[in-house]
N, C-alpha and C. Protein backbone atom coordinates (compact mmCIF):
# COMPACT_ATOMS: atom_id res chain seq x y z
N UNK A 1 -6.56 -10.14 -6.16
CA UNK A 1 -5.87 -10.18 -7.44
C UNK A 1 -6.48 -9.12 -8.35
N UNK A 2 -5.63 -8.34 -8.97
CA UNK A 2 -6.06 -7.30 -9.89
C UNK A 2 -5.59 -7.69 -11.29
N UNK A 3 -6.52 -7.87 -12.18
CA UNK A 3 -6.17 -8.27 -13.54
C UNK A 3 -5.91 -7.04 -14.40
N UNK A 4 -5.14 -7.23 -15.45
CA UNK A 4 -4.83 -6.15 -16.38
C UNK A 4 -6.12 -5.59 -16.96
N UNK A 5 -6.25 -4.28 -16.97
CA UNK A 5 -7.44 -3.61 -17.49
C UNK A 5 -8.56 -3.45 -16.48
N UNK A 6 -8.37 -3.99 -15.28
CA UNK A 6 -9.41 -3.89 -14.25
C UNK A 6 -9.45 -2.47 -13.68
N UNK A 7 -10.62 -1.99 -13.37
CA UNK A 7 -10.86 -0.70 -12.72
C UNK A 7 -10.07 0.44 -13.36
N UNK A 8 -10.26 0.70 -14.63
CA UNK A 8 -9.45 1.71 -15.33
C UNK A 8 -9.67 3.14 -14.84
N UNK A 9 -10.74 3.40 -14.12
CA UNK A 9 -11.00 4.77 -13.63
C UNK A 9 -10.64 4.96 -12.16
N UNK A 10 -10.14 3.92 -11.54
CA UNK A 10 -9.79 4.02 -10.12
C UNK A 10 -8.56 4.91 -9.95
N UNK A 11 -8.72 6.00 -9.19
CA UNK A 11 -7.62 6.93 -8.95
C UNK A 11 -7.18 6.97 -7.49
N UNK A 12 -8.10 6.69 -6.58
CA UNK A 12 -7.81 6.75 -5.15
C UNK A 12 -8.21 5.43 -4.51
N UNK A 13 -7.28 4.85 -3.75
CA UNK A 13 -7.56 3.58 -3.07
C UNK A 13 -7.10 3.69 -1.62
N UNK A 14 -8.04 3.41 -0.71
CA UNK A 14 -7.76 3.44 0.72
C UNK A 14 -8.03 2.04 1.28
N UNK A 15 -7.02 1.45 1.88
CA UNK A 15 -7.18 0.17 2.57
C UNK A 15 -6.74 0.43 4.00
N UNK A 16 -7.70 0.36 4.92
CA UNK A 16 -7.42 0.75 6.30
C UNK A 16 -7.99 -0.26 7.29
N UNK A 17 -7.27 -0.41 8.40
CA UNK A 17 -7.72 -1.23 9.53
C UNK A 17 -8.01 -2.68 9.11
N UNK A 18 -7.06 -3.27 8.42
CA UNK A 18 -7.18 -4.67 7.98
C UNK A 18 -5.93 -5.42 8.45
N UNK A 19 -5.87 -5.70 9.72
CA UNK A 19 -4.68 -6.31 10.33
C UNK A 19 -4.37 -7.70 9.77
N UNK A 20 -5.32 -8.35 9.13
CA UNK A 20 -5.07 -9.68 8.59
C UNK A 20 -4.43 -9.65 7.20
N UNK A 21 -4.37 -8.48 6.59
CA UNK A 21 -3.75 -8.36 5.26
C UNK A 21 -2.24 -8.42 5.43
N UNK A 22 -1.62 -9.46 4.87
CA UNK A 22 -0.18 -9.67 5.03
C UNK A 22 0.60 -9.51 3.74
N UNK A 23 -0.11 -9.36 2.62
CA UNK A 23 0.54 -9.20 1.32
C UNK A 23 -0.12 -8.06 0.55
N UNK A 24 0.67 -7.42 -0.29
CA UNK A 24 0.17 -6.39 -1.18
C UNK A 24 -0.73 -7.02 -2.23
N UNK A 25 -1.71 -6.29 -2.72
CA UNK A 25 -2.60 -6.80 -3.76
C UNK A 25 -1.79 -7.31 -4.94
N UNK A 26 -2.01 -8.55 -5.33
CA UNK A 26 -1.32 -9.10 -6.49
C UNK A 26 -1.85 -8.40 -7.73
N UNK A 27 -0.96 -7.85 -8.53
CA UNK A 27 -1.37 -7.17 -9.75
C UNK A 27 -1.66 -5.70 -9.57
N UNK A 28 -1.25 -5.11 -8.44
CA UNK A 28 -1.52 -3.69 -8.22
C UNK A 28 -0.89 -2.83 -9.31
N UNK A 29 0.14 -3.36 -9.96
CA UNK A 29 0.78 -2.62 -11.05
C UNK A 29 -0.17 -2.37 -12.21
N UNK A 30 -1.24 -3.16 -12.31
CA UNK A 30 -2.21 -2.99 -13.39
C UNK A 30 -3.16 -1.81 -13.16
N UNK A 31 -3.14 -1.24 -11.97
CA UNK A 31 -3.98 -0.07 -11.69
C UNK A 31 -3.22 1.17 -12.16
N UNK A 32 -3.14 1.32 -13.45
CA UNK A 32 -2.27 2.32 -14.07
C UNK A 32 -2.74 3.76 -13.84
N UNK A 33 -3.99 4.00 -13.53
CA UNK A 33 -4.49 5.35 -13.28
C UNK A 33 -4.54 5.71 -11.80
N UNK A 34 -4.08 4.81 -10.95
CA UNK A 34 -4.09 5.06 -9.51
C UNK A 34 -3.09 6.17 -9.19
N UNK A 35 -3.57 7.24 -8.56
CA UNK A 35 -2.68 8.35 -8.22
C UNK A 35 -2.49 8.52 -6.71
N UNK A 36 -3.32 7.85 -5.90
CA UNK A 36 -3.19 7.94 -4.44
C UNK A 36 -3.49 6.58 -3.82
N UNK A 37 -2.57 6.10 -3.01
CA UNK A 37 -2.76 4.83 -2.29
C UNK A 37 -2.50 5.08 -0.82
N UNK A 38 -3.47 4.73 0.00
CA UNK A 38 -3.38 4.88 1.45
C UNK A 38 -3.50 3.50 2.08
N UNK A 39 -2.44 3.04 2.71
CA UNK A 39 -2.43 1.76 3.40
C UNK A 39 -2.18 2.04 4.87
N UNK A 40 -3.23 1.96 5.68
CA UNK A 40 -3.13 2.32 7.09
C UNK A 40 -3.62 1.21 7.98
N UNK A 41 -2.87 0.94 9.02
CA UNK A 41 -3.23 -0.05 10.03
C UNK A 41 -3.48 -1.43 9.44
N UNK A 42 -2.52 -1.87 8.66
CA UNK A 42 -2.52 -3.24 8.15
C UNK A 42 -1.59 -4.06 9.04
N UNK A 43 -1.28 -5.27 8.67
CA UNK A 43 -0.41 -6.09 9.51
C UNK A 43 0.99 -5.48 9.59
N UNK A 44 1.64 -5.64 10.72
CA UNK A 44 3.01 -5.15 10.90
C UNK A 44 3.92 -5.75 9.83
N UNK A 45 3.65 -7.01 9.50
CA UNK A 45 4.45 -7.72 8.49
C UNK A 45 4.40 -6.99 7.13
N UNK A 46 3.21 -6.61 6.70
CA UNK A 46 3.08 -5.93 5.41
C UNK A 46 3.67 -4.53 5.46
N UNK A 47 3.40 -3.79 6.51
CA UNK A 47 3.94 -2.43 6.63
C UNK A 47 5.47 -2.47 6.59
N UNK A 48 6.07 -3.46 7.23
CA UNK A 48 7.53 -3.60 7.20
C UNK A 48 8.03 -3.90 5.79
N UNK A 49 7.32 -4.74 5.05
CA UNK A 49 7.72 -5.07 3.68
C UNK A 49 7.66 -3.86 2.76
N UNK A 50 6.85 -2.87 3.11
CA UNK A 50 6.67 -1.68 2.28
C UNK A 50 7.61 -0.54 2.66
N UNK A 51 8.52 -0.79 3.57
CA UNK A 51 9.50 0.21 3.96
C UNK A 51 10.41 0.49 2.75
N UNK A 52 10.46 1.74 2.26
CA UNK A 52 11.24 2.04 1.05
C UNK A 52 12.75 1.84 1.22
N UNK A 53 13.24 1.77 2.45
CA UNK A 53 14.68 1.60 2.66
C UNK A 53 15.12 0.14 2.63
N UNK A 54 14.18 -0.79 2.52
CA UNK A 54 14.51 -2.21 2.46
C UNK A 54 14.59 -2.64 1.00
N UNK A 55 15.76 -3.06 0.57
CA UNK A 55 15.99 -3.42 -0.83
C UNK A 55 15.13 -4.58 -1.30
N UNK A 56 14.92 -5.58 -0.46
CA UNK A 56 14.18 -6.77 -0.88
C UNK A 56 12.68 -6.67 -0.57
N UNK A 57 12.22 -5.49 -0.25
CA UNK A 57 10.82 -5.31 0.12
C UNK A 57 9.90 -5.20 -1.08
N UNK A 58 8.66 -4.83 -0.82
CA UNK A 58 7.62 -4.74 -1.84
C UNK A 58 7.37 -3.32 -2.33
N UNK A 59 8.12 -2.36 -1.81
CA UNK A 59 7.89 -0.95 -2.15
C UNK A 59 8.00 -0.70 -3.65
N UNK A 60 8.89 -1.42 -4.31
CA UNK A 60 9.10 -1.20 -5.76
C UNK A 60 7.84 -1.49 -6.57
N UNK A 61 6.91 -2.27 -6.02
CA UNK A 61 5.68 -2.59 -6.74
C UNK A 61 4.67 -1.45 -6.76
N UNK A 62 4.91 -0.42 -5.95
CA UNK A 62 3.95 0.68 -5.88
C UNK A 62 4.59 2.04 -6.20
N UNK A 63 5.79 2.03 -6.72
CA UNK A 63 6.47 3.30 -7.00
C UNK A 63 5.84 4.07 -8.16
N UNK A 64 4.99 3.43 -8.95
CA UNK A 64 4.31 4.13 -10.05
C UNK A 64 3.16 5.01 -9.57
N UNK A 65 2.82 4.92 -8.30
CA UNK A 65 1.71 5.68 -7.73
C UNK A 65 2.27 7.00 -7.17
N UNK A 66 1.69 8.11 -7.61
CA UNK A 66 2.22 9.44 -7.27
C UNK A 66 2.21 9.75 -5.77
N UNK A 67 1.12 9.44 -5.09
CA UNK A 67 1.00 9.77 -3.67
C UNK A 67 0.78 8.50 -2.87
N UNK A 68 1.68 8.24 -1.93
CA UNK A 68 1.59 7.05 -1.08
C UNK A 68 1.53 7.45 0.38
N UNK A 69 0.70 6.78 1.13
CA UNK A 69 0.68 6.91 2.58
C UNK A 69 0.64 5.50 3.13
N UNK A 70 1.68 5.14 3.86
CA UNK A 70 1.79 3.79 4.41
C UNK A 70 2.11 3.94 5.88
N UNK A 71 1.29 3.37 6.75
CA UNK A 71 1.59 3.51 8.17
C UNK A 71 0.73 2.68 9.08
N UNK A 72 1.15 2.61 10.32
CA UNK A 72 0.43 1.92 11.38
C UNK A 72 0.35 2.84 12.59
N UNK A 73 -0.76 2.78 13.29
CA UNK A 73 -0.91 3.59 14.49
C UNK A 73 -1.12 2.68 15.70
N UNK A 74 -0.88 3.24 16.85
CA UNK A 74 -1.10 2.51 18.09
C UNK A 74 -1.57 3.51 19.12
N UNK A 75 -2.70 3.23 19.73
CA UNK A 75 -3.27 4.10 20.76
C UNK A 75 -3.47 5.53 20.26
N UNK A 76 -3.84 5.66 18.98
CA UNK A 76 -4.13 6.96 18.42
C UNK A 76 -2.92 7.73 17.92
N UNK A 77 -1.73 7.15 17.99
CA UNK A 77 -0.51 7.82 17.53
C UNK A 77 0.15 6.97 16.44
N UNK A 78 0.74 7.63 15.43
CA UNK A 78 1.44 6.91 14.38
C UNK A 78 2.73 6.36 14.92
N UNK A 79 2.91 5.05 14.83
CA UNK A 79 4.15 4.45 15.32
C UNK A 79 5.17 4.30 14.21
N UNK A 80 4.72 4.18 12.98
CA UNK A 80 5.62 4.16 11.83
C UNK A 80 4.83 4.50 10.58
N UNK A 81 5.46 5.23 9.71
CA UNK A 81 4.82 5.56 8.46
C UNK A 81 5.88 5.91 7.42
N UNK A 82 5.50 5.76 6.17
CA UNK A 82 6.38 6.06 5.05
C UNK A 82 5.61 6.93 4.07
N UNK A 83 5.79 8.25 4.13
CA UNK A 83 5.06 9.11 3.20
C UNK A 83 5.67 9.08 1.81
């Protein structure tokens, strides 16, 4: 959970290799100075929810972030990603 006013200087956030993470950080919208978010190798469920082409997904919660990298790899190759 990210509360309003938390981590005001955070600009880059990398969350990688956390297959048990099934939901986006609650309150990520409060990270107003975040300019780069990298979500790699999280649960397939979460990566699917972050697909920008899905209307009911969670992508709209991170559109305020200038640079996004969202993806999953398998055997050293990217199987899906949304730059």
